[in-house]
Amino acid sequence: MSTSGSSRREFLITSLSGVAAGWAAANCSAILDAADFAQQAAPGAGSFAWFTAAQAGEVEAMAAQIIPTDSTPGAREAHVIRFIDRALTTFEKDRQNDYLQGLKQLEAQTKTSYPAATSFAALTSAQQIEVLTAIERTPFFNLVRTHTITGFLASPIHGGNVDKIGWKAVGYDDSLKHTPPFGYYDALPAARG
């Protein structure tokens, strides 16, 4: 989880490579469906399609540590929890049990680290990071991380990424107003003329 010397932009760009990018490409239409649902869900509304309010609080707290709010908005402001909730009722239905088991692991690690804690979400930020560091190599943490990044960078036309928070974080220009030359080969004919 350490990002020593790394910016949030570098972290997100690196996270999109490899397995996460392949997963996102393979599930593109389902991700767009989940993002569409997330856009329609009222921000801050208390009901969820799959999570209980307590479960949503725990996962949202995890997501907020994965992409924290600092000088720029993070996963919480991007409404990532709504995206994840919808994903678990659509294209990631088969991952529901992974979340149930993972939340039990999170609760156990929270109690091991802080026996008096009422929940992971109730811990301080530093305490949450300590608990997440203890589970960061688990499949559950990786799953939440993947879902968090996907929800953070989803197209706002379809949901998630509220106010283009994720796109602003990585410097993505969605205007589609690009001027030639786009690359080396595009510039060659102009240079000869």
Protein backbone atom coordinates (compact mmCIF):
# COMPACT_ATOMS: atom_id res chain seq x y z
CA MET A 1 0.00 0.00 0.00
CA SER A 2 2.97 2.25 0.36
CA THR A 3 3.16 4.98 -2.23
CA SER A 4 6.46 6.46 -1.08
CA GLY A 5 7.64 8.80 -3.79
CA SER A 6 4.69 8.00 -6.01
CA SER A 7 1.90 10.35 -6.92
CA ARG A 8 -1.73 9.29 -7.03
CA ARG A 9 -1.62 9.69 -10.81
CA GLU A 10 1.33 7.28 -11.12
CA PHE A 11 -0.40 4.81 -8.78
CA LEU A 12 -3.63 4.81 -10.80
CA ILE A 13 -1.87 4.55 -14.16
CA THR A 14 0.30 1.68 -12.91
CA SER A 15 -2.76 -0.03 -11.44
CA LEU A 16 -4.49 -0.02 -14.81
CA SER A 17 -1.78 -2.08 -16.42
CA GLY A 18 -1.76 -5.84 -16.64
CA VAL A 19 -4.45 -7.88 -14.96
CA ALA A 20 -6.66 -4.95 -13.98
CA ALA A 21 -6.71 -3.63 -17.56
CA GLY A 22 -7.48 -7.10 -18.94
CA TRP A 23 -10.28 -7.58 -16.43
CA ALA A 24 -11.74 -4.16 -17.27
CA ALA A 25 -11.59 -4.87 -21.01
CA ALA A 26 -13.25 -8.28 -20.62
CA ASN A 27 -16.08 -6.80 -18.55
CA CYS A 28 -16.47 -3.48 -20.38
CA SER A 29 -20.22 -3.61 -21.14
CA ALA A 30 -21.06 -4.90 -17.68
CA ILE A 31 -18.89 -2.18 -16.12
CA LEU A 32 -20.80 0.41 -18.14
CA ASP A 33 -24.10 -1.08 -16.91
CA ALA A 34 -22.90 -0.91 -13.31
CA ALA A 35 -21.65 2.62 -13.85
CA ASP A 36 -25.03 3.61 -15.32
CA PHE A 37 -26.75 2.30 -12.20
CA ALA A 38 -24.27 4.17 -9.99
CA GLN A 39 -25.03 7.41 -11.80
CA GLN A 40 -28.76 6.95 -11.23
CA ALA A 41 -28.34 6.11 -7.55
CA ALA A 42 -28.83 9.16 -5.37
CA PRO A 43 -25.55 10.17 -3.74
CA GLY A 44 -25.68 9.54 -0.04
CA ALA A 45 -28.88 7.52 -0.28
CA GLY A 46 -29.10 4.98 2.52
CA SER A 47 -30.23 1.92 0.58
CA PHE A 48 -28.04 -0.40 -1.43
CA ALA A 49 -28.87 -3.13 -3.91
CA TRP A 50 -26.66 -5.76 -2.26
CA PHE A 51 -24.69 -4.37 0.70
CA THR A 52 -26.17 -3.78 4.10
CA ALA A 53 -25.50 -0.26 5.37
CA ALA A 54 -22.81 -1.65 7.73
CA GLN A 55 -21.09 -3.62 4.94
CA ALA A 56 -21.18 -0.58 2.66
CA GLY A 57 -19.57 1.50 5.41
CA GLU A 58 -16.72 -0.98 5.77
CA VAL A 59 -16.06 -1.26 2.02
CA GLU A 60 -16.35 2.50 1.53
CA ALA A 61 -13.79 3.02 4.32
CA MET A 62 -11.45 0.58 2.53
CA ALA A 63 -11.96 2.35 -0.80
CA ALA A 64 -11.31 5.71 0.86
CA GLN A 65 -7.92 4.42 2.00
CA ILE A 66 -7.11 2.94 -1.43
CA ILE A 67 -7.84 6.26 -3.14
CA PRO A 68 -7.87 8.75 -0.28
CA THR A 69 -9.13 12.29 -0.22
CA ASP A 70 -6.24 14.71 -0.01
CA SER A 71 -5.75 17.88 -2.05
CA THR A 72 -8.03 16.21 -4.58
CA PRO A 73 -11.24 14.20 -4.10
CA GLY A 74 -10.95 10.45 -3.57
CA ALA A 75 -13.02 7.28 -3.86
CA ARG A 76 -15.63 8.47 -1.37
CA GLU A 77 -16.40 11.61 -3.38
CA ALA A 78 -16.48 9.59 -6.61
CA HIS A 79 -19.24 7.39 -5.10
CA VAL A 80 -17.20 4.24 -5.71
CA ILE A 81 -19.31 2.32 -3.15
CA ARG A 82 -22.39 2.70 -5.38
CA PHE A 83 -20.46 1.31 -8.34
CA ILE A 84 -19.21 -1.68 -6.31
CA ASP A 85 -22.69 -2.36 -4.91
CA ARG A 86 -24.16 -2.49 -8.40
CA ALA A 87 -21.27 -4.61 -9.70
CA LEU A 88 -22.08 -7.23 -7.08
CA THR A 89 -25.65 -7.51 -8.37
CA THR A 90 -24.69 -7.63 -12.06
CA PHE A 91 -21.43 -8.71 -13.69
CA GLU A 92 -19.66 -9.61 -10.43
CA LYS A 93 -22.50 -11.62 -8.82
CA ASP A 94 -20.12 -14.54 -8.46
CA ARG A 95 -17.92 -12.38 -6.18
CA GLN A 96 -20.60 -11.83 -3.52
CA ASN A 97 -19.27 -14.66 -1.37
CA ASP A 98 -15.75 -13.25 -1.74
CA TYR A 99 -17.02 -10.01 -0.23
CA LEU A 100 -18.85 -11.83 2.58
CA GLN A 101 -15.74 -13.85 3.47
CA GLY A 102 -13.45 -10.85 2.99
CA LEU A 103 -15.54 -8.67 5.28
CA LYS A 104 -15.26 -11.39 7.93
CA GLN A 105 -11.46 -11.35 7.47
CA LEU A 106 -11.47 -7.56 7.73
CA GLU A 107 -13.51 -7.73 10.93
CA ALA A 108 -11.19 -10.38 12.40
CA GLN A 109 -8.07 -8.37 11.56
CA THR A 110 -9.67 -5.23 12.98
CA LYS A 111 -10.45 -7.04 16.25
CA THR A 112 -6.94 -8.55 16.35
CA SER A 113 -5.32 -5.15 15.90
CA TYR A 114 -7.84 -3.13 17.92
CA PRO A 115 -9.94 -5.34 20.24
CA ALA A 116 -12.11 -2.43 21.41
CA ALA A 117 -12.97 -1.31 17.85
CA THR A 118 -16.63 -1.43 16.90
CA SER A 119 -15.86 -1.56 13.16
CA PHE A 120 -13.10 -0.94 10.63
CA ALA A 121 -14.84 2.27 9.51
CA ALA A 122 -14.75 3.59 13.10
CA LEU A 123 -10.94 3.40 13.26
CA THR A 124 -8.74 6.42 12.67
CA SER A 125 -7.08 6.72 9.28
CA ALA A 126 -3.73 5.55 10.65
CA GLN A 127 -5.37 2.54 12.31
CA GLN A 128 -7.21 1.67 9.09
CA ILE A 129 -3.96 1.75 7.15
CA GLU A 130 -2.39 -0.58 9.72
CA VAL A 131 -5.26 -3.07 9.35
CA LEU A 132 -5.21 -2.86 5.54
CA THR A 133 -1.44 -3.35 5.49
CA ALA A 134 -1.98 -6.61 7.37
CA ILE A 135 -4.42 -7.87 4.68
CA GLU A 136 -3.09 -6.14 1.57
CA ARG A 137 -1.81 -9.38 0.02
CA THR A 138 -5.16 -11.15 0.31
CA PRO A 139 -7.45 -11.81 -2.67
CA PHE A 140 -10.16 -9.75 -0.93
CA PHE A 141 -8.02 -6.63 -0.72
CA ASN A 142 -7.04 -7.02 -4.37
CA LEU A 143 -10.70 -7.40 -5.35
CA VAL A 144 -11.74 -4.25 -3.47
CA ARG A 145 -8.75 -2.41 -4.94
CA THR A 146 -9.71 -3.45 -8.48
CA HIS A 147 -13.35 -2.47 -7.97
CA THR A 148 -12.33 0.83 -6.38
CA ILE A 149 -10.07 1.84 -9.25
CA THR A 150 -12.65 0.75 -11.85
CA GLY A 151 -15.41 2.74 -10.15
CA PHE A 152 -13.11 5.74 -9.71
CA LEU A 153 -12.25 5.86 -13.42
CA ALA A 154 -15.61 4.86 -14.94
CA SER A 155 -17.04 7.26 -17.50
CA PRO A 156 -19.29 9.83 -15.83
CA ILE A 157 -21.69 9.48 -18.77
CA HIS A 158 -22.43 5.99 -17.49
CA GLY A 159 -21.84 6.60 -13.76
CA GLY A 160 -19.07 6.50 -11.19
CA ASN A 161 -16.28 9.02 -11.43
CA VAL A 162 -18.63 11.78 -10.24
CA ASP A 163 -17.64 15.18 -11.64
CA LYS A 164 -14.82 13.43 -13.56
CA ILE A 165 -12.83 13.18 -10.33
CA GLY A 166 -10.85 10.17 -11.54
CA TRP A 167 -10.13 11.63 -14.94
CA LYS A 168 -8.87 14.87 -13.39
CA ALA A 169 -6.60 12.84 -11.09
CA VAL A 170 -4.88 11.10 -14.02
CA GLY A 171 -4.97 14.12 -16.34
CA TYR A 172 -7.30 12.53 -18.89
CA ASP A 173 -8.68 15.01 -21.44
CA ASP A 174 -12.11 13.79 -22.49
CA SER A 175 -12.82 16.72 -24.82
CA LEU A 176 -11.91 14.69 -27.93
CA LYS A 177 -10.60 17.96 -29.39
CA HIS A 178 -7.14 16.79 -30.28
CA THR A 179 -5.14 18.53 -32.98
CA PRO A 180 -2.75 16.85 -35.39
CA PRO A 181 -0.08 15.68 -35.48
CA PHE A 182 -1.12 12.84 -33.23
CA GLY A 183 2.19 11.06 -33.52
CA TYR A 184 5.46 10.84 -35.39
CA TYR A 185 3.98 9.31 -38.57
CA ASP A 186 1.17 11.82 -38.73
CA ALA A 187 3.73 14.64 -38.75
CA LEU A 188 5.81 13.28 -41.66
CA PRO A 189 3.64 14.41 -44.62
CA ALA A 190 3.40 17.93 -43.19
CA ALA A 191 7.17 18.11 -42.76
CA ARG A 192 7.77 17.11 -46.40
CA GLY A 193 5.29 19.61 -47.82
